C-alpha atoms as a PDB file:
ATOM      1  CA  UNK A   1     273.281-140.274 -82.456  1.00  0.00           C
ATOM      2  CA  UNK A   2     272.893-136.524 -82.451  1.00  0.00           C
ATOM      3  CA  UNK A   3     275.887-134.400 -81.585  1.00  0.00           C
ATOM      4  CA  UNK A   4     275.746-131.998 -78.650  1.00  0.00           C
ATOM      5  CA  UNK A   5     274.602-128.490 -79.658  1.00  0.00           C
ATOM      6  CA  UNK A   6     277.336-125.951 -80.127  1.00  0.00           C
ATOM      7  CA  UNK A   7     277.126-122.753 -78.084  1.00  0.00           C
ATOM      8  CA  UNK A   8     277.297-120.680 -81.263  1.00  0.00           C
ATOM      9  CA  UNK A   9     274.346-122.387 -82.936  1.00  0.00           C
ATOM     10  CA  UNK A  10     271.039-120.512 -82.783  1.00  0.00           C
ATOM     11  CA  UNK A  11     268.469-122.090 -80.509  1.00  0.00           C
ATOM     12  CA  UNK A  12     264.788-122.444 -81.248  1.00  0.00           C
ATOM     13  CA  UNK A  13     262.693-119.953 -79.267  1.00  0.00           C
ATOM     14  CA  UNK A  14     260.858-121.397 -76.310  1.00  0.00           C
ATOM     15  CA  UNK A  15     257.118-121.029 -76.239  1.00  0.00           C
ATOM     16  CA  UNK A  16     256.126-118.287 -73.839  1.00  0.00           C
ATOM     17  CA  UNK A  17     253.268-118.607 -71.394  1.00  0.00           C
ATOM     18  CA  UNK A  18     250.095-116.832 -72.489  1.00  0.00           C
ATOM     19  CA  UNK A  19     250.091-113.239 -71.380  1.00  0.00           C
ATOM     20  CA  UNK A  20     247.507-112.278 -68.765  1.00  0.00           C
ATOM     21  CA  UNK A  21     246.527-108.696 -68.396  1.00  0.00           C
ATOM     22  CA  UNK A  22     247.068-107.249 -64.898  1.00  0.00           C
ATOM     23  CA  UNK A  23     243.447-106.130 -64.650  1.00  0.00           C
ATOM     24  CA  UNK A  24     242.140-109.630 -65.393  1.00  0.00           C
ATOM     25  CA  UNK A  25     244.416-111.169 -62.780  1.00  0.00           C
ATOM     26  CA  UNK A  26     243.637-108.555 -60.129  1.00  0.00           C
ATOM     27  CA  UNK A  27     239.840-108.642 -60.374  1.00  0.00           C
ATOM     28  CA  UNK A  28     238.322-112.107 -60.100  1.00  0.00           C
ATOM     29  CA  UNK A  29     235.309-112.078 -62.386  1.00  0.00           C
ATOM     30  CA  UNK A  30     232.537-114.467 -61.455  1.00  0.00           C
ATOM     31  CA  UNK A  31     230.973-116.599 -64.108  1.00  0.00           C
ATOM     32  CA  UNK A  32     227.236-116.408 -64.766  1.00  0.00           C
ATOM     33  CA  UNK A  33     226.894-119.862 -63.174  1.00  0.00           C
ATOM     34  CA  UNK A  34     228.288-118.488 -59.913  1.00  0.00           C
ATOM     35  CA  UNK A  35     225.841-115.589 -59.977  1.00  0.00           C
ATOM     36  CA  UNK A  36     222.877-117.883 -60.567  1.00  0.00           C
ATOM     37  CA  UNK A  37     224.030-120.246 -57.808  1.00  0.00           C
ATOM     38  CA  UNK A  38     224.156-117.402 -55.304  1.00  0.00           C
ATOM     39  CA  UNK A  39     220.702-116.255 -56.398  1.00  0.00           C
ATOM     40  CA  UNK A  40     219.253-119.742 -56.141  1.00  0.00           C
ATOM     41  CA  UNK A  41     220.731-120.213 -52.665  1.00  0.00           C
ATOM     42  CA  UNK A  42     219.252-116.876 -51.600  1.00  0.00           C
ATOM     43  CA  UNK A  43     215.801-117.938 -52.779  1.00  0.00           C
ATOM     44  CA  UNK A  44     216.129-121.277 -50.975  1.00  0.00           C
ATOM     45  CA  UNK A  45     217.220-119.459 -47.800  1.00  0.00           C
ATOM     46  CA  UNK A  46     214.215-117.127 -48.103  1.00  0.00           C
ATOM     47  CA  UNK A  47     211.878-120.098 -48.441  1.00  0.00           C
ATOM     48  CA  UNK A  48     213.599-121.591 -45.410  1.00  0.00           C
ATOM     49  CA  UNK A  49     212.674-118.488 -43.414  1.00  0.00           C
ATOM     50  CA  UNK A  50     209.032-119.105 -44.277  1.00  0.00           C
ATOM     51  CA  UNK A  51     209.441-122.758 -43.308  1.00  0.00           C
ATOM     52  CA  UNK A  52     211.032-121.690 -40.018  1.00  0.00           C
ATOM     53  CA  UNK A  53     207.935-119.658 -39.221  1.00  0.00           C
ATOM     54  CA  UNK A  54     205.775-122.661 -40.117  1.00  0.00           C
ATOM     55  CA  UNK A  55     207.928-124.909 -37.936  1.00  0.00           C
ATOM     56  CA  UNK A  56     207.523-122.439 -35.075  1.00  0.00           C
ATOM     57  CA  UNK A  57     203.737-122.573 -35.379  1.00  0.00           C
ATOM     58  CA  UNK A  58     203.728-126.360 -35.754  1.00  0.00           C
ATOM     59  CA  UNK A  59     206.075-126.855 -32.801  1.00  0.00           C
ATOM     60  CA  UNK A  60     203.920-124.542 -30.695  1.00  0.00           C
ATOM     61  CA  UNK A  61     200.818-126.543 -31.594  1.00  0.00           C
ATOM     62  CA  UNK A  62     202.603-129.780 -30.722  1.00  0.00           C
ATOM     63  CA  UNK A  63     203.591-128.315 -27.350  1.00  0.00           C
ATOM     64  CA  UNK A  64     200.011-127.206 -26.645  1.00  0.00           C
ATOM     65  CA  UNK A  65     198.571-130.593 -27.592  1.00  0.00           C
ATOM     66  CA  UNK A  66     201.161-132.318 -25.417  1.00  0.00           C
ATOM     67  CA  UNK A  67     200.370-130.031 -22.484  1.00  0.00           C
ATOM     68  CA  UNK A  68     196.633-130.598 -22.914  1.00  0.00           C
ATOM     69  CA  UNK A  69     196.911-134.392 -23.094  1.00  0.00           C
ATOM     70  CA  UNK A  70     199.333-134.818 -20.197  1.00  0.00           C
ATOM     71  CA  UNK A  71     199.950-132.993 -16.931  1.00  0.00           C
ATOM     72  CA  UNK A  72     199.925-129.488 -18.444  1.00  0.00           C
ATOM     73  CA  UNK A  73     203.653-128.854 -18.235  1.00  0.00           C
ATOM     74  CA  UNK A  74     206.221-128.621 -20.972  1.00  0.00           C
ATOM     75  CA  UNK A  75     209.439-130.549 -20.655  1.00  0.00           C
ATOM     76  CA  UNK A  76     212.950-129.454 -21.453  1.00  0.00           C
ATOM     77  CA  UNK A  77     212.815-130.618 -25.041  1.00  0.00           C
ATOM     78  CA  UNK A  78     209.974-128.234 -25.861  1.00  0.00           C
ATOM     79  CA  UNK A  79     212.087-125.248 -24.922  1.00  0.00           C
ATOM     80  CA  UNK A  80     215.067-126.670 -26.762  1.00  0.00           C
ATOM     81  CA  UNK A  81     212.977-127.407 -29.850  1.00  0.00           C
ATOM     82  CA  UNK A  82     211.665-123.871 -29.961  1.00  0.00           C
ATOM     83  CA  UNK A  83     215.081-122.384 -29.223  1.00  0.00           C
ATOM     84  CA  UNK A  84     216.636-124.301 -32.129  1.00  0.00           C
ATOM     85  CA  UNK A  85     214.636-122.126 -34.505  1.00  0.00           C
ATOM     86  CA  UNK A  86     216.596-119.016 -33.498  1.00  0.00           C
ATOM     87  CA  UNK A  87     219.888-120.097 -35.113  1.00  0.00           C
ATOM     88  CA  UNK A  88     217.909-121.524 -38.039  1.00  0.00           C
ATOM     89  CA  UNK A  89     216.466-118.081 -38.688  1.00  0.00           C
ATOM     90  CA  UNK A  90     219.847-116.417 -38.282  1.00  0.00           C
ATOM     91  CA  UNK A  91     221.511-118.828 -40.715  1.00  0.00           C
ATOM     92  CA  UNK A  92     218.722-118.126 -43.196  1.00  0.00           C
ATOM     93  CA  UNK A  93     219.022-114.367 -42.784  1.00  0.00           C
ATOM     94  CA  UNK A  94     222.780-114.461 -43.281  1.00  0.00           C
ATOM     95  CA  UNK A  95     222.478-116.675 -46.354  1.00  0.00           C
ATOM     96  CA  UNK A  96     219.749-114.528 -47.893  1.00  0.00           C
ATOM     97  CA  UNK A  97     220.934-111.044 -46.983  1.00  0.00           C
ATOM     98  CA  UNK A  98     224.718-111.010 -47.271  1.00  0.00           C
ATOM     99  CA  UNK A  99     225.944-109.817 -50.668  1.00  0.00           C
ATOM    100  CA  UNK A 100     227.487-112.088 -53.272  1.00  0.00           C
ATOM    101  CA  UNK A 101     230.987-110.803 -52.526  1.00  0.00           C
ATOM    102  CA  UNK A 102     230.524-111.087 -48.760  1.00  0.00           C
ATOM    103  CA  UNK A 103     230.117-114.866 -48.694  1.00  0.00           C
ATOM    104  CA  UNK A 104     231.255-117.680 -50.943  1.00  0.00           C
ATOM    105  CA  UNK A 105     228.686-120.026 -52.418  1.00  0.00           C
ATOM    106  CA  UNK A 106     230.112-122.919 -50.414  1.00  0.00           C
ATOM    107  CA  UNK A 107     229.561-121.125 -47.111  1.00  0.00           C
ATOM    108  CA  UNK A 108     226.144-119.923 -48.256  1.00  0.00           C
ATOM    109  CA  UNK A 109     225.223-123.512 -49.136  1.00  0.00           C
ATOM    110  CA  UNK A 110     226.341-124.739 -45.701  1.00  0.00           C
ATOM    111  CA  UNK A 111     224.285-122.019 -44.023  1.00  0.00           C
ATOM    112  CA  UNK A 112     221.204-123.070 -45.976  1.00  0.00           C
ATOM    113  CA  UNK A 113     221.814-126.748 -45.158  1.00  0.00           C
ATOM    114  CA  UNK A 114     222.180-125.940 -41.457  1.00  0.00           C
ATOM    115  CA  UNK A 115     219.042-123.824 -41.606  1.00  0.00           C
ATOM    116  CA  UNK A 116     216.958-126.657 -43.029  1.00  0.00           C
ATOM    117  CA  UNK A 117     218.455-129.225 -40.636  1.00  0.00           C
ATOM    118  CA  UNK A 118     217.542-127.085 -37.636  1.00  0.00           C
ATOM    119  CA  UNK A 119     214.058-126.445 -39.031  1.00  0.00           C
ATOM    120  CA  UNK A 120     213.478-130.189 -39.272  1.00  0.00           C
ATOM    121  CA  UNK A 121     214.979-130.792 -35.822  1.00  0.00           C
ATOM    122  CA  UNK A 122     212.636-128.407 -34.004  1.00  0.00           C
ATOM    123  CA  UNK A 123     209.330-130.319 -34.329  1.00  0.00           C
ATOM    124  CA  UNK A 124     211.151-133.612 -33.759  1.00  0.00           C
ATOM    125  CA  UNK A 125     212.462-132.382 -30.409  1.00  0.00           C
ATOM    126  CA  UNK A 126     209.066-131.026 -29.374  1.00  0.00           C
ATOM    127  CA  UNK A 127     207.330-134.258 -30.355  1.00  0.00           C
ATOM    128  CA  UNK A 128     209.949-136.345 -28.528  1.00  0.00           C
ATOM    129  CA  UNK A 129     209.149-134.521 -25.296  1.00  0.00           C
ATOM    130  CA  UNK A 130     205.681-136.035 -25.097  1.00  0.00           C
END
């Protein structure tokens, strides 16, 4: 059994925590993986803007075909399907245009996912009207 340490005995120094410079702690540096993720999400959002334009044209063609084959009137889902493309375009613009520091990659990824979901929903709504 070891005796209790005497107050006069020298103690072993405790290991100190690694020193962090104040500039490194104050400025969060992003890793290269974070930069490439933001760039990739911006490219995907830009492609989504092109797809939104294509979905607008396709939904318009579906509405015209439906109007030609039936009584010539568009139902409520046609307007809703075309209106859904407005927030899809806005989500894509925000995801593509806001700077890297203005939006986290998680939020940018959610914006891109919402953009693509709304782009896919638009022609489905227009087609369901017929």
